[in-house]
Amino acid sequence: MTTIDELVQARGIREVLHFSTNHGLVGMASMGAAISRDQLSTDSKSPLVALNPKNAKFRSDPEWLGYINLSVSRINSSFFGYSKSWKRSPDDYWVILSFSPEILSHDGVVFATTNNIYHGSCIRGIGYSGLENCFADIVISKKNSRLARPDGFPAQWTTCQEAEVLYPKRLPLEYLQCIYVEDEETSDQVLTTLELLTERSDFNVIINPDKFKGD
């Protein structure tokens, strides 16, 4: 194998994931794309100001604010759990956007073997070798801990659950495959919101609470 597309096929990678709140969903639907944090508006009247502002403010990786953080096949459940601890309105909810693995071969995409903020242990790369590194038998993660890839581990899962896909600047929603939600009530809210903002009713919204556990 020499190309990302071949690696995607060989490992059975079917989706690249990005979790967000309902506020982020509104911003993305309004823009027709997920955008990097350095493009977030400071205009209080703009839908972009609601795109995970605390994430953009407190993440300690300012040199990477021009990228959108995604995961291969499963979300980073530990960071998702941390994100849920932020104080929010009782009416807020979470969604997971599933993008086509086609985006992995786009220009400028960077792969990180573990969380991109672990500067002492994270290995970043581009192209086929960069993605393949995320599936290595041994990956160094937080505090230089060694993670060994278990026998029988799903081929489409990165060795470290915190591995990241860093997509530059703007990811159009034309690559969106589906949106995962945790329950039927959220599904109804998402479909209503998207139809109001995009005048489309053909979005594929799937109820799958296990996706929010990193499964």
C-alpha atoms as a PDB file:
ATOM      1  CA  MET A   1       0.000   0.000   0.000  1.00  0.00           C
ATOM      2  CA  THR A   2       1.226   3.460  -0.851  1.00  0.00           C
ATOM      3  CA  THR A   3      -1.814   5.741  -0.727  1.00  0.00           C
ATOM      4  CA  ILE A   4      -4.202   6.949   1.945  1.00  0.00           C
ATOM      5  CA  ASP A   5      -7.164   5.638  -0.043  1.00  0.00           C
ATOM      6  CA  GLU A   6      -5.640   2.146  -0.073  1.00  0.00           C
ATOM      7  CA  LEU A   7      -5.021   2.307   3.680  1.00  0.00           C
ATOM      8  CA  VAL A   8      -8.601   3.454   4.281  1.00  0.00           C
ATOM      9  CA  GLN A   9      -9.912   0.518   2.273  1.00  0.00           C
ATOM     10  CA  ALA A  10      -7.584  -2.016   3.906  1.00  0.00           C
ATOM     11  CA  ARG A  11      -8.520  -0.959   7.434  1.00  0.00           C
ATOM     12  CA  GLY A  12     -12.202  -0.534   6.725  1.00  0.00           C
ATOM     13  CA  ILE A  13     -12.253   3.119   7.787  1.00  0.00           C
ATOM     14  CA  ARG A  14     -15.757   4.369   7.063  1.00  0.00           C
ATOM     15  CA  GLU A  15     -15.931   7.716   8.843  1.00  0.00           C
ATOM     16  CA  VAL A  16     -14.039  10.626  10.368  1.00  0.00           C
ATOM     17  CA  LEU A  17     -15.774  12.140  13.394  1.00  0.00           C
ATOM     18  CA  HIS A  18     -16.163  15.568  14.990  1.00  0.00           C
ATOM     19  CA  PHE A  19     -18.292  16.207  18.070  1.00  0.00           C
ATOM     20  CA  SER A  20     -19.934  19.542  18.820  1.00  0.00           C
ATOM     21  CA  THR A  21     -22.779  21.189  20.690  1.00  0.00           C
ATOM     22  CA  ASN A  22     -26.047  22.412  19.236  1.00  0.00           C
ATOM     23  CA  HIS A  23     -24.424  25.874  19.101  1.00  0.00           C
ATOM     24  CA  GLY A  24     -21.643  24.519  16.924  1.00  0.00           C
ATOM     25  CA  LEU A  25     -24.174  22.750  14.736  1.00  0.00           C
ATOM     26  CA  VAL A  26     -26.019  26.036  14.172  1.00  0.00           C
ATOM     27  CA  GLY A  27     -22.780  27.760  13.174  1.00  0.00           C
ATOM     28  CA  MET A  28     -21.744  24.978  10.811  1.00  0.00           C
ATOM     29  CA  ALA A  29     -25.170  24.775   9.191  1.00  0.00           C
ATOM     30  CA  SER A  30     -25.163  28.562   8.727  1.00  0.00           C
ATOM     31  CA  MET A  31     -21.710  28.474   7.115  1.00  0.00           C
ATOM     32  CA  GLY A  32     -22.153  25.230   5.204  1.00  0.00           C
ATOM     33  CA  ALA A  33     -18.901  24.007   6.717  1.00  0.00           C
ATOM     34  CA  ALA A  34     -16.968  23.243   9.861  1.00  0.00           C
ATOM     35  CA  ILE A  35     -14.307  25.907  10.294  1.00  0.00           C
ATOM     36  CA  SER A  36     -11.094  26.194  12.276  1.00  0.00           C
ATOM     37  CA  ARG A  37     -11.011  28.065  15.566  1.00  0.00           C
ATOM     38  CA  ASP A  38      -8.929  30.954  14.227  1.00  0.00           C
ATOM     39  CA  GLN A  39     -11.912  31.922  12.059  1.00  0.00           C
ATOM     40  CA  LEU A  40     -14.418  32.147  14.895  1.00  0.00           C
ATOM     41  CA  SER A  41     -16.228  35.464  14.857  1.00  0.00           C
ATOM     42  CA  THR A  42     -16.066  37.889  17.764  1.00  0.00           C
ATOM     43  CA  ASP A  43     -19.318  39.463  16.605  1.00  0.00           C
ATOM     44  CA  SER A  44     -21.922  38.548  19.224  1.00  0.00           C
ATOM     45  CA  LYS A  45     -24.605  38.550  16.521  1.00  0.00           C
ATOM     46  CA  SER A  46     -22.781  35.987  14.402  1.00  0.00           C
ATOM     47  CA  PRO A  47     -23.594  32.269  14.676  1.00  0.00           C
ATOM     48  CA  LEU A  48     -19.858  31.594  14.597  1.00  0.00           C
ATOM     49  CA  VAL A  49     -19.290  33.062  18.043  1.00  0.00           C
ATOM     50  CA  ALA A  50     -21.053  30.030  19.516  1.00  0.00           C
ATOM     51  CA  LEU A  51     -18.714  27.455  17.971  1.00  0.00           C
ATOM     52  CA  ASN A  52     -17.154  25.892  21.078  1.00  0.00           C
ATOM     53  CA  PRO A  53     -15.777  29.204  22.394  1.00  0.00           C
ATOM     54  CA  LYS A  54     -14.387  27.617  25.568  1.00  0.00           C
ATOM     55  CA  ASN A  55     -12.559  25.002  23.548  1.00  0.00           C
ATOM     56  CA  ALA A  56     -10.982  27.693  21.376  1.00  0.00           C
ATOM     57  CA  LYS A  57     -10.115  29.818  24.403  1.00  0.00           C
ATOM     58  CA  PHE A  58      -8.534  27.230  26.677  1.00  0.00           C
ATOM     59  CA  ARG A  59      -6.898  24.631  24.440  1.00  0.00           C
ATOM     60  CA  SER A  60      -3.127  25.090  24.833  1.00  0.00           C
ATOM     61  CA  ASP A  61      -2.180  24.661  21.168  1.00  0.00           C
ATOM     62  CA  PRO A  62      -2.397  28.166  19.648  1.00  0.00           C
ATOM     63  CA  GLU A  63      -0.174  27.246  16.710  1.00  0.00           C
ATOM     64  CA  TRP A  64      -2.827  24.739  15.587  1.00  0.00           C
ATOM     65  CA  LEU A  65      -5.883  27.002  15.759  1.00  0.00           C
ATOM     66  CA  GLY A  66      -6.026  26.959  11.962  1.00  0.00           C
ATOM     67  CA  TYR A  67      -7.105  23.314  11.974  1.00  0.00           C
ATOM     68  CA  ILE A  68     -10.315  21.421  12.744  1.00  0.00           C
ATOM     69  CA  ASN A  69      -9.837  18.523  15.163  1.00  0.00           C
ATOM     70  CA  LEU A  70     -11.350  15.185  14.141  1.00  0.00           C
ATOM     71  CA  SER A  71     -10.964  11.495  14.980  1.00  0.00           C
ATOM     72  CA  VAL A  72     -10.844   8.321  12.905  1.00  0.00           C
ATOM     73  CA  SER A  73     -13.749   5.888  13.457  1.00  0.00           C
ATOM     74  CA  ARG A  74     -14.404   6.774  17.132  1.00  0.00           C
ATOM     75  CA  ILE A  75     -14.369   9.969  19.171  1.00  0.00           C
ATOM     76  CA  ASN A  76     -11.887  10.833  21.897  1.00  0.00           C
ATOM     77  CA  SER A  77     -14.214   9.836  24.736  1.00  0.00           C
ATOM     78  CA  SER A  78     -11.978  11.242  27.481  1.00  0.00           C
ATOM     79  CA  PHE A  79     -11.969  14.718  25.915  1.00  0.00           C
ATOM     80  CA  PHE A  80     -15.687  14.416  25.227  1.00  0.00           C
ATOM     81  CA  GLY A  81     -16.264  13.662  28.909  1.00  0.00           C
ATOM     82  CA  TYR A  82     -14.188  16.711  29.841  1.00  0.00           C
ATOM     83  CA  SER A  83     -16.119  18.870  27.381  1.00  0.00           C
ATOM     84  CA  LYS A  84     -19.426  17.786  28.916  1.00  0.00           C
ATOM     85  CA  SER A  85     -18.255  19.167  32.270  1.00  0.00           C
ATOM     86  CA  TRP A  86     -18.384  22.743  30.956  1.00  0.00           C
ATOM     87  CA  LYS A  87     -21.383  24.584  32.337  1.00  0.00           C
ATOM     88  CA  ARG A  88     -24.086  24.871  29.699  1.00  0.00           C
ATOM     89  CA  SER A  89     -27.800  25.518  29.384  1.00  0.00           C
ATOM     90  CA  PRO A  90     -30.080  22.587  30.296  1.00  0.00           C
ATOM     91  CA  ASP A  91     -31.422  22.744  26.738  1.00  0.00           C
ATOM     92  CA  ASP A  92     -28.019  22.226  25.124  1.00  0.00           C
ATOM     93  CA  TYR A  93     -27.141  18.908  23.518  1.00  0.00           C
ATOM     94  CA  TRP A  94     -24.262  17.181  21.739  1.00  0.00           C
ATOM     95  CA  VAL A  95     -23.953  15.778  18.239  1.00  0.00           C
ATOM     96  CA  ILE A  96     -21.276  13.837  16.375  1.00  0.00           C
ATOM     97  CA  LEU A  97     -20.733  14.675  12.721  1.00  0.00           C
ATOM     98  CA  SER A  98     -19.560  11.807  10.520  1.00  0.00           C
ATOM     99  CA  PHE A  99     -17.532  12.831   7.481  1.00  0.00           C
ATOM    100  CA  SER A 100     -16.464  10.688   4.545  1.00  0.00           C
ATOM    101  CA  PRO A 101     -12.955   9.184   4.862  1.00  0.00           C
ATOM    102  CA  GLU A 102     -12.318  10.794   1.499  1.00  0.00           C
ATOM    103  CA  ILE A 103     -11.278  13.904   3.438  1.00  0.00           C
ATOM    104  CA  LEU A 104      -8.214  12.081   4.812  1.00  0.00           C
ATOM    105  CA  SER A 105      -6.514  12.423   1.433  1.00  0.00           C
ATOM    106  CA  HIS A 106      -7.203  16.146   1.058  1.00  0.00           C
ATOM    107  CA  ASP A 107      -4.301  18.589   0.806  1.00  0.00           C
ATOM    108  CA  GLY A 108      -2.940  19.955   4.058  1.00  0.00           C
ATOM    109  CA  VAL A 109      -4.372  17.293   6.375  1.00  0.00           C
ATOM    110  CA  VAL A 110      -2.068  16.440   9.293  1.00  0.00           C
ATOM    111  CA  PHE A 111      -2.251  13.264  11.388  1.00  0.00           C
ATOM    112  CA  ALA A 112      -1.305  13.114  15.073  1.00  0.00           C
ATOM    113  CA  THR A 113      -0.613   9.782  16.790  1.00  0.00           C
ATOM    114  CA  THR A 114      -2.064  11.015  20.084  1.00  0.00           C
ATOM    115  CA  ASN A 115      -3.630  14.226  21.387  1.00  0.00           C
ATOM    116  CA  ASN A 116      -2.008  17.107  19.537  1.00  0.00           C
ATOM    117  CA  ILE A 117      -1.372  19.006  22.787  1.00  0.00           C
ATOM    118  CA  TYR A 118       1.009  16.281  24.052  1.00  0.00           C
ATOM    119  CA  HIS A 119       3.993  17.981  22.451  1.00  0.00           C
ATOM    120  CA  GLY A 120       6.579  15.712  24.040  1.00  0.00           C
ATOM    121  CA  SER A 121       5.089  12.495  22.705  1.00  0.00           C
ATOM    122  CA  CYS A 122       2.817  13.351  19.780  1.00  0.00           C
ATOM    123  CA  ILE A 123       4.166  12.389  16.356  1.00  0.00           C
ATOM    124  CA  ARG A 124       2.663  14.388  13.508  1.00  0.00           C
ATOM    125  CA  GLY A 125       2.826  13.493   9.863  1.00  0.00           C
ATOM    126  CA  ILE A 126       1.170  13.871   6.497  1.00  0.00           C
ATOM    127  CA  GLY A 127       0.187  11.493   3.740  1.00  0.00           C
ATOM    128  CA  TYR A 128       0.133   7.719   3.899  1.00  0.00           C
ATOM    129  CA  SER A 129       2.927   7.387   6.462  1.00  0.00           C
ATOM    130  CA  GLY A 130       1.358   9.996   8.736  1.00  0.00           C
ATOM    131  CA  LEU A 131      -1.937   8.113   8.863  1.00  0.00           C
ATOM    132  CA  GLU A 132      -0.253   4.716   9.171  1.00  0.00           C
ATOM    133  CA  ASN A 133       1.685   5.949  12.230  1.00  0.00           C
ATOM    134  CA  CYS A 134      -1.652   6.322  14.032  1.00  0.00           C
ATOM    135  CA  PHE A 135      -2.078   2.537  13.826  1.00  0.00           C
ATOM    136  CA  ALA A 136       1.419   1.610  15.020  1.00  0.00           C
ATOM    137  CA  ASP A 137       1.931  -1.339  17.371  1.00  0.00           C
ATOM    138  CA  ILE A 138       3.287   1.062  20.016  1.00  0.00           C
ATOM    139  CA  VAL A 139       2.263   4.711  20.435  1.00  0.00           C
ATOM    140  CA  ILE A 140       3.621   7.130  23.035  1.00  0.00           C
ATOM    141  CA  SER A 141       0.851   9.160  24.647  1.00  0.00           C
ATOM    142  CA  LYS A 142       0.268  11.405  27.679  1.00  0.00           C
ATOM    143  CA  LYS A 143       3.201  11.695  30.097  1.00  0.00           C
ATOM    144  CA  ASN A 144       5.227   9.450  27.767  1.00  0.00           C
ATOM    145  CA  SER A 145       3.060   6.435  28.549  1.00  0.00           C
ATOM    146  CA  ARG A 146       3.393   3.548  26.085  1.00  0.00           C
ATOM    147  CA  LEU A 147       0.210   2.262  24.490  1.00  0.00           C
ATOM    148  CA  ALA A 148       0.434  -1.166  22.885  1.00  0.00           C
ATOM    149  CA  ARG A 149      -2.059  -2.110  20.202  1.00  0.00           C
ATOM    150  CA  PRO A 150      -4.010  -5.083  21.630  1.00  0.00           C
ATOM    151  CA  ASP A 151      -4.491  -8.338  19.745  1.00  0.00           C
ATOM    152  CA  GLY A 152      -7.831  -8.364  17.987  1.00  0.00           C
ATOM    153  CA  PHE A 153      -8.142  -4.585  18.147  1.00  0.00           C
ATOM    154  CA  PRO A 154     -10.573  -3.254  15.497  1.00  0.00           C
ATOM    155  CA  ALA A 155      -8.509  -2.480  12.407  1.00  0.00           C
ATOM    156  CA  GLN A 156     -10.271   0.857  11.862  1.00  0.00           C
ATOM    157  CA  TRP A 157      -9.428   2.163  15.351  1.00  0.00           C
ATOM    158  CA  THR A 158      -6.264   4.183  15.941  1.00  0.00           C
ATOM    159  CA  THR A 159      -3.927   2.730  18.566  1.00  0.00           C
ATOM    160  CA  CYS A 160      -4.462   5.741  20.832  1.00  0.00           C
ATOM    161  CA  GLN A 161      -8.044   6.895  21.176  1.00  0.00           C
ATOM    162  CA  GLU A 162      -6.763  10.480  21.387  1.00  0.00           C
ATOM    163  CA  ALA A 163      -5.163  10.369  17.916  1.00  0.00           C
ATOM    164  CA  GLU A 164      -6.263  13.305  15.793  1.00  0.00           C
ATOM    165  CA  VAL A 165      -6.943  14.285  12.220  1.00  0.00           C
ATOM    166  CA  LEU A 166      -6.135  17.982  11.774  1.00  0.00           C
ATOM    167  CA  TYR A 167      -8.034  19.399   8.813  1.00  0.00           C
ATOM    168  CA  PRO A 168      -7.009  22.872   7.591  1.00  0.00           C
ATOM    169  CA  LYS A 169      -9.336  25.874   7.757  1.00  0.00           C
ATOM    170  CA  ARG A 170     -12.659  24.772   6.279  1.00  0.00           C
ATOM    171  CA  LEU A 171     -14.376  21.390   5.919  1.00  0.00           C
ATOM    172  CA  PRO A 172     -17.457  21.673   3.671  1.00  0.00           C
ATOM    173  CA  LEU A 173     -20.608  19.878   4.773  1.00  0.00           C
ATOM    174  CA  GLU A 174     -20.811  18.269   1.344  1.00  0.00           C
ATOM    175  CA  TYR A 175     -18.572  15.579   2.872  1.00  0.00           C
ATOM    176  CA  LEU A 176     -20.982  15.007   5.769  1.00  0.00           C
ATOM    177  CA  GLN A 177     -22.345  11.449   5.796  1.00  0.00           C
ATOM    178  CA  CYS A 178     -24.581  11.551   8.859  1.00  0.00           C
ATOM    179  CA  ILE A 179     -25.071  13.096  12.285  1.00  0.00           C
ATOM    180  CA  TYR A 180     -25.189  10.924  15.401  1.00  0.00           C
ATOM    181  CA  VAL A 181     -27.403  11.871  18.342  1.00  0.00           C
ATOM    182  CA  GLU A 182     -28.140  10.216  21.667  1.00  0.00           C
ATOM    183  CA  ASP A 183     -31.943  10.081  21.622  1.00  0.00           C
ATOM    184  CA  GLU A 184     -35.100  10.684  19.608  1.00  0.00           C
ATOM    185  CA  GLU A 185     -35.788  14.100  21.118  1.00  0.00           C
ATOM    186  CA  THR A 186     -32.373  15.337  20.015  1.00  0.00           C
ATOM    187  CA  SER A 187     -32.931  13.838  16.575  1.00  0.00           C
ATOM    188  CA  ASP A 188     -36.108  15.876  16.166  1.00  0.00           C
ATOM    189  CA  GLN A 189     -34.333  19.055  17.294  1.00  0.00           C
ATOM    190  CA  VAL A 190     -31.430  18.508  14.911  1.00  0.00           C
ATOM    191  CA  LEU A 191     -33.660  17.849  11.910  1.00  0.00           C
ATOM    192  CA  THR A 192     -35.772  20.920  12.663  1.00  0.00           C
ATOM    193  CA  THR A 193     -32.711  23.144  13.144  1.00  0.00           C
ATOM    194  CA  LEU A 194     -31.038  21.974   9.948  1.00  0.00           C
ATOM    195  CA  GLU A 195     -34.155  22.381   7.846  1.00  0.00           C
ATOM    196  CA  LEU A 196     -34.677  25.922   9.144  1.00  0.00           C
ATOM    197  CA  LEU A 197     -31.082  26.942   8.444  1.00  0.00           C
ATOM    198  CA  THR A 198     -30.432  25.100   5.189  1.00  0.00           C
ATOM    199  CA  GLU A 199     -33.916  24.522   3.731  1.00  0.00           C
ATOM    200  CA  ARG A 200     -32.913  20.867   3.400  1.00  0.00           C
ATOM    201  CA  SER A 201     -34.727  17.913   4.931  1.00  0.00           C
ATOM    202  CA  ASP A 202     -32.479  15.124   3.654  1.00  0.00           C
ATOM    203  CA  PHE A 203     -29.847  15.045   6.419  1.00  0.00           C
ATOM    204  CA  ASN A 204     -29.201  11.553   7.771  1.00  0.00           C
ATOM    205  CA  VAL A 205     -29.582  11.752  11.559  1.00  0.00           C
ATOM    206  CA  ILE A 206     -28.895   8.485  13.413  1.00  0.00           C
ATOM    207  CA  ILE A 207     -29.720   7.692  17.039  1.00  0.00           C
ATOM    208  CA  ASN A 208     -26.657   5.883  18.405  1.00  0.00           C
ATOM    209  CA  PRO A 209     -25.737   6.596  22.050  1.00  0.00           C
ATOM    210  CA  ASP A 210     -22.801   4.157  21.872  1.00  0.00           C
ATOM    211  CA  LYS A 211     -20.989   6.530  19.521  1.00  0.00           C
ATOM    212  CA  PHE A 212     -20.754   9.011  22.401  1.00  0.00           C
ATOM    213  CA  LYS A 213     -18.922   6.387  24.489  1.00  0.00           C
ATOM    214  CA  GLY A 214     -16.139   6.075  21.930  1.00  0.00           C
ATOM    215  CA  ASP A 215     -17.413   2.769  20.540  1.00  0.00           C
END
